[in-house]
Amino acid sequence: QEFEVMVRQRCDLPPHEPLPATLGTTMQKAVEKRPDGTVGFEDFLLWVWQCIFMEEMSATDLPERQQRSLARELGLDLPKLESLRELFNNCDDDRSGFIEWPEFDQLVRCLLDAKEATDVSEALLRRYWSEVNDASSDCIGFPDFVRWYAKNFA
């Protein structure tokens, strides 16, 4: 119990979510070594050594793990995803975490490396906006943008 709480804190894993299978398996092995169910110092060091390169241990920030998961889902490498995140954030003028239509205009022009406003037609911008954004919303989040990017540009 105490070991699991410590691991969840270290890895930023919420208590209501199941532990990742590989992490849970190694934890179980560490706990089973002693009849009282505690984890001794040597067992803890062995556990850390076995788990140090697991994503949950090396990327303890939940948003970073979500970003890695998104990259895997879409077949994008992390540097590309990070550059898209930077572009997204740079075009998010109001820092809302979402891109609205005027910001999307700027984002697409940057994405296409347009030098002049006339380099990208209004019709193309509207088509792209309708592809990435369902009609029920006036903004898009980063995951929606990246999925649209991967489908159209990757």
Protein backbone atom coordinates (compact mmCIF):
# COMPACT_ATOMS: atom_id res chain seq x y z
CA GLN A 1 0.00 0.00 0.00
CA GLU A 2 2.65 2.54 1.09
CA PHE A 3 4.91 1.43 -1.78
CA GLU A 4 2.13 1.94 -4.31
CA VAL A 5 1.34 5.40 -2.92
CA MET A 6 5.01 6.36 -3.23
CA VAL A 7 5.21 5.03 -6.80
CA ARG A 8 2.02 6.87 -7.79
CA GLN A 9 3.41 10.11 -6.37
CA ARG A 10 6.79 9.63 -8.06
CA CYS A 11 5.18 8.87 -11.42
CA ASP A 12 2.30 11.37 -11.13
CA LEU A 13 -0.28 8.58 -11.48
CA PRO A 14 -3.75 9.38 -10.08
CA PRO A 15 -5.06 6.94 -7.45
CA HIS A 16 -8.22 6.16 -9.44
CA GLU A 17 -6.35 5.01 -12.57
CA PRO A 18 -4.96 1.50 -12.91
CA LEU A 19 -1.20 1.12 -12.76
CA PRO A 20 0.50 0.46 -16.09
CA ALA A 21 0.93 -3.31 -16.42
CA THR A 22 4.74 -3.37 -16.52
CA LEU A 23 5.03 -1.09 -13.51
CA GLY A 24 2.43 -3.07 -11.56
CA THR A 25 4.16 -6.38 -12.31
CA THR A 26 7.55 -5.17 -11.08
CA MET A 27 5.94 -3.67 -7.97
CA GLN A 28 4.19 -6.96 -7.21
CA LYS A 29 7.49 -8.85 -7.49
CA ALA A 30 9.17 -6.43 -5.09
CA VAL A 31 6.35 -6.77 -2.53
CA GLU A 32 6.23 -10.58 -2.76
CA LYS A 33 9.87 -10.93 -1.67
CA ARG A 34 9.02 -10.42 2.01
CA PRO A 35 6.34 -12.32 3.93
CA ASP A 36 5.08 -9.15 5.60
CA GLY A 37 4.51 -7.43 2.22
CA THR A 38 6.95 -4.60 2.88
CA VAL A 39 9.69 -3.51 0.51
CA GLY A 40 13.19 -3.32 1.98
CA PHE A 41 15.83 -0.87 0.88
CA GLU A 42 17.71 -3.39 -1.28
CA ASP A 43 14.48 -4.56 -2.90
CA PHE A 44 13.55 -0.95 -3.55
CA LEU A 45 16.92 -0.26 -5.20
CA LEU A 46 16.51 -3.37 -7.35
CA TRP A 47 13.01 -2.25 -8.31
CA VAL A 48 14.27 1.24 -9.26
CA TRP A 49 17.06 -0.30 -11.32
CA GLN A 50 14.54 -2.48 -13.19
CA CYS A 51 12.12 0.37 -13.82
CA ILE A 52 14.31 3.42 -14.33
CA PHE A 53 13.84 3.51 -18.10
CA MET A 54 10.09 2.85 -18.09
CA GLU A 55 8.19 5.80 -19.45
CA GLU A 56 6.28 6.33 -16.21
CA MET A 57 9.57 6.68 -14.35
CA SER A 58 11.49 8.77 -16.86
CA ALA A 59 8.58 11.01 -17.91
CA THR A 60 6.88 11.72 -14.60
CA ASP A 61 4.94 14.72 -15.91
CA LEU A 62 1.44 13.65 -17.00
CA PRO A 63 1.23 16.13 -19.93
CA GLU A 64 4.58 14.86 -21.20
CA ARG A 65 3.35 11.24 -21.07
CA GLN A 66 0.17 12.27 -22.90
CA GLN A 67 2.28 13.96 -25.56
CA ARG A 68 4.41 10.82 -25.96
CA SER A 69 1.28 8.71 -26.23
CA LEU A 70 -0.08 11.04 -28.92
CA ALA A 71 3.20 10.82 -30.84
CA ARG A 72 3.07 7.01 -30.73
CA GLU A 73 -0.60 6.97 -31.76
CA LEU A 74 0.10 9.11 -34.81
CA GLY A 75 3.52 7.74 -35.73
CA LEU A 76 5.25 11.09 -35.19
CA ASP A 77 8.65 11.42 -33.58
CA LEU A 78 8.89 13.49 -30.40
CA PRO A 79 10.99 16.32 -31.88
CA LYS A 80 8.35 16.83 -34.59
CA LEU A 81 5.55 16.79 -32.03
CA GLU A 82 7.46 19.28 -29.88
CA SER A 83 7.95 21.60 -32.84
CA LEU A 84 4.21 21.40 -33.57
CA ARG A 85 3.50 22.18 -29.89
CA GLU A 86 5.77 25.22 -30.13
CA LEU A 87 4.02 26.41 -33.30
CA PHE A 88 0.62 25.85 -31.69
CA ASN A 89 1.63 27.78 -28.56
CA ASN A 90 3.16 30.63 -30.59
CA CYS A 91 -0.07 31.05 -32.55
CA ASP A 92 -2.26 30.83 -29.43
CA ASP A 93 -2.22 34.60 -28.93
CA ASP A 94 -4.61 34.65 -25.97
CA ARG A 95 -2.80 31.71 -24.26
CA SER A 96 -6.11 29.88 -23.83
CA GLY A 97 -4.62 26.52 -24.79
CA PHE A 98 -6.92 26.49 -27.81
CA ILE A 99 -6.74 27.86 -31.33
CA GLU A 100 -9.64 29.98 -32.56
CA TRP A 101 -10.25 30.90 -36.20
CA PRO A 102 -8.01 34.03 -36.39
CA GLU A 103 -5.21 32.10 -34.71
CA PHE A 104 -5.77 29.13 -37.03
CA ASP A 105 -5.28 31.43 -40.00
CA GLN A 106 -1.88 32.40 -38.58
CA LEU A 107 -1.04 28.78 -37.69
CA VAL A 108 -1.71 27.47 -41.20
CA ARG A 109 0.23 30.29 -42.81
CA CYS A 110 3.20 29.46 -40.57
CA LEU A 111 2.78 25.74 -41.24
CA LEU A 112 2.83 26.34 -45.00
CA ASP A 113 5.64 28.88 -44.68
CA ALA A 114 3.52 31.51 -46.44
CA LYS A 115 5.35 34.78 -46.90
CA GLU A 116 2.31 36.88 -47.80
CA ALA A 117 -1.30 36.69 -46.63
CA THR A 118 -2.35 36.05 -50.23
CA ASP A 119 -0.14 32.93 -50.45
CA VAL A 120 -2.91 30.86 -48.81
CA SER A 121 -6.43 31.28 -50.10
CA GLU A 122 -9.36 31.93 -47.82
CA ALA A 123 -11.09 28.88 -49.34
CA LEU A 124 -8.19 26.61 -48.38
CA LEU A 125 -8.11 28.02 -44.87
CA ARG A 126 -11.88 27.44 -44.49
CA ARG A 127 -11.53 23.88 -45.83
CA TYR A 128 -8.73 23.12 -43.38
CA TRP A 129 -10.76 24.65 -40.54
CA SER A 130 -13.77 22.50 -41.37
CA GLU A 131 -11.53 19.39 -41.47
CA VAL A 132 -9.96 19.99 -38.07
CA ASN A 133 -12.92 21.50 -36.27
CA ASP A 134 -16.35 19.99 -35.89
CA ALA A 135 -19.16 22.50 -36.26
CA SER A 136 -20.00 22.41 -32.54
CA SER A 137 -16.89 24.30 -31.46
CA ASP A 138 -15.22 27.59 -32.29
CA CYS A 139 -11.76 26.39 -31.27
CA ILE A 140 -9.43 23.38 -31.45
CA GLY A 141 -7.08 21.84 -28.92
CA PHE A 142 -3.55 20.61 -29.53
CA PRO A 143 -4.49 16.91 -29.93
CA ASP A 144 -7.08 17.79 -32.61
CA PHE A 145 -4.56 19.94 -34.43
CA VAL A 146 -1.88 17.25 -34.36
CA ARG A 147 -4.28 14.55 -35.58
CA TRP A 148 -5.30 16.83 -38.45
CA TYR A 149 -1.65 17.61 -39.19
CA ALA A 150 -0.69 13.92 -39.23
CA LYS A 151 -3.55 13.09 -41.57
CA ASN A 152 -2.76 15.91 -44.02
CA PHE A 153 0.94 16.72 -43.80
CA ALA A 154 2.92 13.87 -42.21
